[in-house]
Amino acid sequence: MAVDIYGGTVSPSTALSTNGQTGTTYTLVLTDANNTMVELSNTSGIALTVPLNSSVAFPVGSQVHIMQTNSGQVTVAGASGVTVNGTPGLKLRTQWSVASLVKRGTDSWVLFGDVTN
């Protein structure tokens, strides 16, 4: 199958980089979007916060990949005014669980992957 491309360039995809976090809290930053895996590692629970668009303006459609690399369970929550939807819940299930956040609107996100209540 042939693909014609007009008026642009094609670049190879970049490798996934990592952002290792070892604290019990972390708020997403713009560089966490798309080709980054946020690796969260602690033996205590970890609160991951999705910031307001007015604080960190992720473009709609941005993806943030997260991984729990230790026994401290990761809980995802939106800052006040941010809605994060996910089913069955907003916690990563166990060590080595991986999930993704996708921005759907100004302050609206969805979490999917290996999640639990």
N, C-alpha and C. Protein backbone atom coordinates (compact mmCIF):
# COMPACT_ATOMS: atom_id res chain seq x y z
N MET A 1 0.84 -1.16 0.00
CA MET A 1 0.00 0.00 0.00
C MET A 1 0.89 1.24 0.00
N ALA A 2 0.62 2.18 -0.86
CA ALA A 2 1.40 3.41 -0.95
C ALA A 2 0.70 4.53 -0.19
N VAL A 3 1.50 5.43 0.38
CA VAL A 3 0.98 6.59 1.09
C VAL A 3 1.61 7.83 0.48
N ASP A 4 0.80 8.78 0.05
CA ASP A 4 1.29 10.04 -0.48
C ASP A 4 1.23 11.10 0.61
N ILE A 5 2.31 11.86 0.78
CA ILE A 5 2.36 12.93 1.77
C ILE A 5 2.71 14.22 1.04
N TYR A 6 1.90 15.24 1.24
CA TYR A 6 2.10 16.52 0.57
C TYR A 6 2.32 17.62 1.59
N GLY A 7 3.33 18.44 1.37
CA GLY A 7 3.53 19.64 2.17
C GLY A 7 3.96 19.41 3.60
N GLY A 8 4.64 18.33 3.87
CA GLY A 8 5.08 18.09 5.24
C GLY A 8 6.28 17.18 5.27
N THR A 9 6.69 16.82 6.44
CA THR A 9 7.80 15.91 6.60
C THR A 9 7.38 14.74 7.48
N VAL A 10 8.08 13.66 7.34
CA VAL A 10 7.83 12.49 8.16
C VAL A 10 9.07 12.28 9.02
N SER A 11 8.85 12.16 10.32
CA SER A 11 9.95 11.93 11.25
C SER A 11 9.75 10.58 11.92
N PRO A 12 10.83 9.88 12.20
CA PRO A 12 10.67 8.61 12.92
C PRO A 12 10.17 8.88 14.33
N SER A 13 9.41 7.93 14.87
CA SER A 13 8.94 8.11 16.24
C SER A 13 10.13 8.06 17.18
N THR A 14 10.00 8.76 18.28
CA THR A 14 11.08 8.77 19.26
C THR A 14 10.84 7.70 20.30
N ALA A 15 11.90 7.25 20.90
CA ALA A 15 11.79 6.24 21.95
C ALA A 15 11.10 6.86 23.17
N LEU A 16 10.44 6.03 23.92
CA LEU A 16 9.77 6.45 25.14
C LEU A 16 10.82 6.80 26.20
N SER A 17 10.76 8.03 26.70
CA SER A 17 11.67 8.40 27.78
C SER A 17 10.97 8.14 29.12
N THR A 18 11.72 8.21 30.21
CA THR A 18 11.13 7.97 31.52
C THR A 18 11.32 9.18 32.43
N ASN A 19 10.39 9.34 33.33
CA ASN A 19 10.47 10.36 34.38
C ASN A 19 10.26 9.61 35.69
N GLY A 20 11.34 9.27 36.37
CA GLY A 20 11.25 8.52 37.62
C GLY A 20 10.94 9.43 38.79
N GLN A 21 9.93 9.05 39.57
CA GLN A 21 9.53 9.80 40.75
C GLN A 21 9.51 8.87 41.95
N THR A 22 10.10 9.30 43.07
CA THR A 22 10.20 8.43 44.24
C THR A 22 9.48 8.98 45.47
N GLY A 23 8.83 10.11 45.35
CA GLY A 23 8.11 10.69 46.48
C GLY A 23 6.72 10.07 46.64
N THR A 24 5.97 10.59 47.60
CA THR A 24 4.60 10.10 47.82
C THR A 24 3.56 11.00 47.16
N THR A 25 4.01 12.09 46.54
CA THR A 25 3.11 12.94 45.76
C THR A 25 3.83 13.36 44.48
N TYR A 26 3.05 13.55 43.43
CA TYR A 26 3.61 14.06 42.19
C TYR A 26 2.49 14.72 41.40
N THR A 27 2.77 15.90 40.87
CA THR A 27 1.84 16.61 39.99
C THR A 27 2.43 16.61 38.59
N LEU A 28 1.61 16.23 37.63
CA LEU A 28 2.07 16.13 36.24
C LEU A 28 2.57 17.47 35.72
N VAL A 29 3.58 17.41 34.85
CA VAL A 29 4.13 18.58 34.17
C VAL A 29 4.03 18.35 32.66
N LEU A 30 4.14 19.41 31.90
CA LEU A 30 3.94 19.34 30.46
C LEU A 30 4.85 18.33 29.77
N THR A 31 6.08 18.18 30.25
CA THR A 31 7.01 17.24 29.61
C THR A 31 6.66 15.78 29.87
N ASP A 32 5.66 15.51 30.72
CA ASP A 32 5.20 14.14 30.94
C ASP A 32 4.32 13.64 29.80
N ALA A 33 3.88 14.52 28.94
CA ALA A 33 2.93 14.15 27.89
C ALA A 33 3.60 13.41 26.74
N ASN A 34 2.86 12.48 26.19
CA ASN A 34 3.12 11.78 24.96
C ASN A 34 4.28 10.79 25.04
N ASN A 35 5.49 11.09 24.74
CA ASN A 35 6.55 10.07 24.66
C ASN A 35 7.32 9.87 25.96
N THR A 36 6.61 9.95 27.09
CA THR A 36 7.24 9.77 28.40
C THR A 36 6.44 8.77 29.23
N MET A 37 7.14 7.95 30.00
CA MET A 37 6.52 7.07 30.98
C MET A 37 6.88 7.63 32.35
N VAL A 38 5.87 8.02 33.13
CA VAL A 38 6.10 8.49 34.48
C VAL A 38 6.14 7.24 35.37
N GLU A 39 7.31 6.96 35.92
CA GLU A 39 7.49 5.77 36.76
C GLU A 39 7.46 6.20 38.22
N LEU A 40 6.48 5.69 38.96
CA LEU A 40 6.24 6.08 40.34
C LEU A 40 6.66 4.95 41.26
N SER A 41 7.62 5.23 42.15
CA SER A 41 8.21 4.19 42.99
C SER A 41 8.32 4.63 44.43
N ASN A 42 7.57 3.97 45.31
CA ASN A 42 7.66 4.20 46.73
C ASN A 42 7.02 3.01 47.42
N THR A 43 7.38 2.74 48.67
CA THR A 43 6.72 1.66 49.41
C THR A 43 5.47 2.17 50.12
N SER A 44 5.27 3.48 50.17
CA SER A 44 4.04 4.08 50.69
C SER A 44 3.17 4.50 49.51
N GLY A 45 1.90 4.73 49.77
CA GLY A 45 0.98 5.16 48.72
C GLY A 45 1.45 6.44 48.06
N ILE A 46 1.11 6.58 46.78
CA ILE A 46 1.54 7.74 45.98
C ILE A 46 0.30 8.43 45.42
N ALA A 47 0.19 9.74 45.63
CA ALA A 47 -0.90 10.55 45.09
C ALA A 47 -0.39 11.27 43.85
N LEU A 48 -0.96 10.94 42.71
CA LEU A 48 -0.60 11.59 41.45
C LEU A 48 -1.72 12.57 41.11
N THR A 49 -1.36 13.83 40.92
CA THR A 49 -2.34 14.88 40.67
C THR A 49 -2.28 15.36 39.23
N VAL A 50 -3.46 15.47 38.62
CA VAL A 50 -3.59 16.06 37.29
C VAL A 50 -3.93 17.53 37.51
N PRO A 51 -3.07 18.45 37.05
CA PRO A 51 -3.27 19.88 37.36
C PRO A 51 -4.34 20.52 36.49
N LEU A 52 -4.83 21.67 36.95
CA LEU A 52 -5.75 22.48 36.16
C LEU A 52 -5.09 22.91 34.85
N ASN A 53 -5.88 23.05 33.82
CA ASN A 53 -5.38 23.54 32.54
C ASN A 53 -4.74 24.92 32.68
N SER A 54 -5.28 25.74 33.59
CA SER A 54 -4.71 27.08 33.78
C SER A 54 -3.32 27.03 34.40
N SER A 55 -2.96 25.91 35.04
CA SER A 55 -1.62 25.74 35.61
C SER A 55 -0.66 25.08 34.63
N VAL A 56 -1.14 24.02 33.98
CA VAL A 56 -0.34 23.28 32.99
C VAL A 56 -1.25 23.01 31.80
N ALA A 57 -0.99 23.67 30.68
CA ALA A 57 -1.88 23.62 29.53
C ALA A 57 -1.51 22.47 28.59
N PHE A 58 -1.83 21.24 29.01
CA PHE A 58 -1.67 20.10 28.10
C PHE A 58 -2.65 20.29 26.94
N PRO A 59 -2.24 20.06 25.70
CA PRO A 59 -3.20 20.13 24.60
C PRO A 59 -4.23 19.00 24.73
N VAL A 60 -5.45 19.27 24.30
CA VAL A 60 -6.46 18.21 24.26
C VAL A 60 -5.93 17.09 23.37
N GLY A 61 -6.08 15.86 23.82
CA GLY A 61 -5.55 14.70 23.11
C GLY A 61 -4.21 14.22 23.66
N SER A 62 -3.61 15.00 24.57
CA SER A 62 -2.35 14.57 25.17
C SER A 62 -2.53 13.25 25.91
N GLN A 63 -1.47 12.46 25.91
CA GLN A 63 -1.46 11.19 26.64
C GLN A 63 -0.33 11.23 27.66
N VAL A 64 -0.63 10.75 28.87
CA VAL A 64 0.38 10.61 29.91
C VAL A 64 0.36 9.16 30.36
N HIS A 65 1.48 8.48 30.24
CA HIS A 65 1.60 7.08 30.62
C HIS A 65 2.22 7.00 32.01
N ILE A 66 1.63 6.16 32.88
CA ILE A 66 2.14 6.03 34.24
C ILE A 66 2.35 4.55 34.58
N MET A 67 3.35 4.30 35.43
CA MET A 67 3.66 2.94 35.86
C MET A 67 4.00 2.95 37.35
N GLN A 68 3.44 1.98 38.08
CA GLN A 68 3.77 1.79 39.49
C GLN A 68 4.89 0.76 39.58
N THR A 69 6.07 1.17 40.04
CA THR A 69 7.22 0.26 40.04
C THR A 69 7.60 -0.25 41.43
N ASN A 70 6.76 0.00 42.44
CA ASN A 70 7.03 -0.50 43.77
C ASN A 70 5.70 -0.83 44.42
N SER A 71 5.70 -1.14 45.70
CA SER A 71 4.49 -1.60 46.37
C SER A 71 3.52 -0.49 46.76
N GLY A 72 3.97 0.77 46.81
CA GLY A 72 3.09 1.88 47.15
C GLY A 72 2.08 2.13 46.05
N GLN A 73 0.79 1.95 46.37
CA GLN A 73 -0.25 2.07 45.34
C GLN A 73 -0.40 3.51 44.87
N VAL A 74 -0.50 3.68 43.56
CA VAL A 74 -0.67 4.99 42.93
C VAL A 74 -2.16 5.30 42.83
N THR A 75 -2.55 6.46 43.36
CA THR A 75 -3.93 6.94 43.24
C THR A 75 -3.90 8.22 42.41
N VAL A 76 -4.72 8.25 41.36
CA VAL A 76 -4.79 9.40 40.45
C VAL A 76 -5.97 10.27 40.85
N ALA A 77 -5.76 11.57 40.92
CA ALA A 77 -6.85 12.50 41.23
C ALA A 77 -6.62 13.80 40.48
N GLY A 78 -7.70 14.46 40.16
CA GLY A 78 -7.59 15.78 39.55
C GLY A 78 -7.49 16.85 40.62
N ALA A 79 -6.75 17.89 40.32
CA ALA A 79 -6.75 19.07 41.20
C ALA A 79 -8.18 19.60 41.26
N SER A 80 -8.48 20.45 42.21
CA SER A 80 -9.81 21.03 42.31
C SER A 80 -10.22 21.65 40.97
N GLY A 81 -11.33 21.20 40.41
CA GLY A 81 -11.79 21.69 39.12
C GLY A 81 -11.45 20.79 37.95
N VAL A 82 -10.67 19.74 38.20
CA VAL A 82 -10.29 18.79 37.14
C VAL A 82 -11.06 17.49 37.36
N THR A 83 -11.66 16.98 36.30
CA THR A 83 -12.38 15.71 36.36
C THR A 83 -11.52 14.63 35.72
N VAL A 84 -11.31 13.55 36.47
CA VAL A 84 -10.63 12.37 35.93
C VAL A 84 -11.62 11.21 36.05
N ASN A 85 -11.98 10.63 34.92
CA ASN A 85 -12.88 9.48 34.90
C ASN A 85 -12.10 8.22 34.61
N GLY A 86 -12.49 7.13 35.23
CA GLY A 86 -11.86 5.84 34.98
C GLY A 86 -12.71 4.74 35.58
N THR A 87 -12.65 3.58 34.99
CA THR A 87 -13.41 2.47 35.53
C THR A 87 -12.56 1.23 35.59
N PRO A 88 -12.54 0.47 36.65
CA PRO A 88 -13.47 0.59 37.77
C PRO A 88 -13.07 1.63 38.81
N GLY A 89 -11.90 2.24 38.71
CA GLY A 89 -11.48 3.23 39.68
C GLY A 89 -10.28 4.01 39.19
N LEU A 90 -9.64 4.73 40.11
CA LEU A 90 -8.53 5.62 39.75
C LEU A 90 -7.23 5.25 40.46
N LYS A 91 -7.06 3.96 40.76
CA LYS A 91 -5.84 3.48 41.39
C LYS A 91 -5.19 2.44 40.49
N LEU A 92 -3.86 2.47 40.41
CA LEU A 92 -3.17 1.39 39.71
C LEU A 92 -3.30 0.14 40.57
N ARG A 93 -3.48 -1.01 39.94
CA ARG A 93 -3.84 -2.23 40.65
C ARG A 93 -2.74 -2.76 41.55
N THR A 94 -1.49 -2.81 41.06
CA THR A 94 -0.40 -3.42 41.82
C THR A 94 0.94 -2.99 41.23
N GLN A 95 2.02 -3.48 41.82
CA GLN A 95 3.35 -3.19 41.27
C GLN A 95 3.41 -3.67 39.82
N TRP A 96 3.98 -2.86 38.96
CA TRP A 96 4.16 -3.06 37.53
C TRP A 96 2.88 -2.80 36.73
N SER A 97 1.84 -2.30 37.38
CA SER A 97 0.65 -1.87 36.65
C SER A 97 0.99 -0.63 35.83
N VAL A 98 0.38 -0.56 34.65
CA VAL A 98 0.58 0.57 33.74
C VAL A 98 -0.78 1.09 33.32
N ALA A 99 -0.90 2.40 33.22
CA ALA A 99 -2.14 3.03 32.77
C ALA A 99 -1.80 4.29 32.00
N SER A 100 -2.80 4.81 31.30
CA SER A 100 -2.62 6.04 30.54
C SER A 100 -3.75 7.01 30.86
N LEU A 101 -3.40 8.28 30.90
CA LEU A 101 -4.35 9.37 31.01
C LEU A 101 -4.44 10.05 29.66
N VAL A 102 -5.65 10.36 29.22
CA VAL A 102 -5.85 11.09 27.96
C VAL A 102 -6.70 12.32 28.26
N LYS A 103 -6.22 13.47 27.81
CA LYS A 103 -6.96 14.71 28.01
C LYS A 103 -8.07 14.80 26.97
N ARG A 104 -9.32 14.92 27.43
CA ARG A 104 -10.49 14.96 26.55
C ARG A 104 -11.08 16.35 26.37
N GLY A 105 -10.78 17.24 27.30
CA GLY A 105 -11.32 18.60 27.26
C GLY A 105 -10.47 19.47 28.17
N THR A 106 -10.84 20.73 28.31
CA THR A 106 -10.01 21.68 29.05
C THR A 106 -9.55 21.15 30.40
N ASP A 107 -10.45 20.65 31.21
CA ASP A 107 -10.10 20.08 32.51
C ASP A 107 -10.76 18.72 32.69
N SER A 108 -10.74 17.93 31.63
CA SER A 108 -11.38 16.62 31.63
C SER A 108 -10.42 15.57 31.08
N TRP A 109 -10.22 14.52 31.86
CA TRP A 109 -9.29 13.45 31.51
C TRP A 109 -9.96 12.10 31.70
N VAL A 110 -9.45 11.08 31.05
CA VAL A 110 -9.86 9.69 31.29
C VAL A 110 -8.62 8.87 31.59
N LEU A 111 -8.75 7.95 32.56
CA LEU A 111 -7.69 7.03 32.94
C LEU A 111 -8.10 5.63 32.52
N PHE A 112 -7.22 4.93 31.82
CA PHE A 112 -7.52 3.54 31.46
C PHE A 112 -6.25 2.71 31.54
N GLY A 113 -6.42 1.43 31.75
CA GLY A 113 -5.30 0.53 31.88
C GLY A 113 -5.53 -0.44 33.02
N ASP A 114 -4.47 -0.83 33.69
CA ASP A 114 -4.53 -1.80 34.78
C ASP A 114 -4.89 -1.07 36.07
N VAL A 115 -6.18 -0.71 36.20
CA VAL A 115 -6.66 0.10 37.32
C VAL A 115 -7.69 -0.67 38.15
N THR A 116 -7.91 -0.17 39.36
CA THR A 116 -8.83 -0.78 40.30
C THR A 116 -9.50 0.29 41.14
N ASN A 117 -10.40 -0.13 42.04
CA ASN A 117 -11.07 0.80 42.97
C ASN A 117 -10.15 1.23 44.08
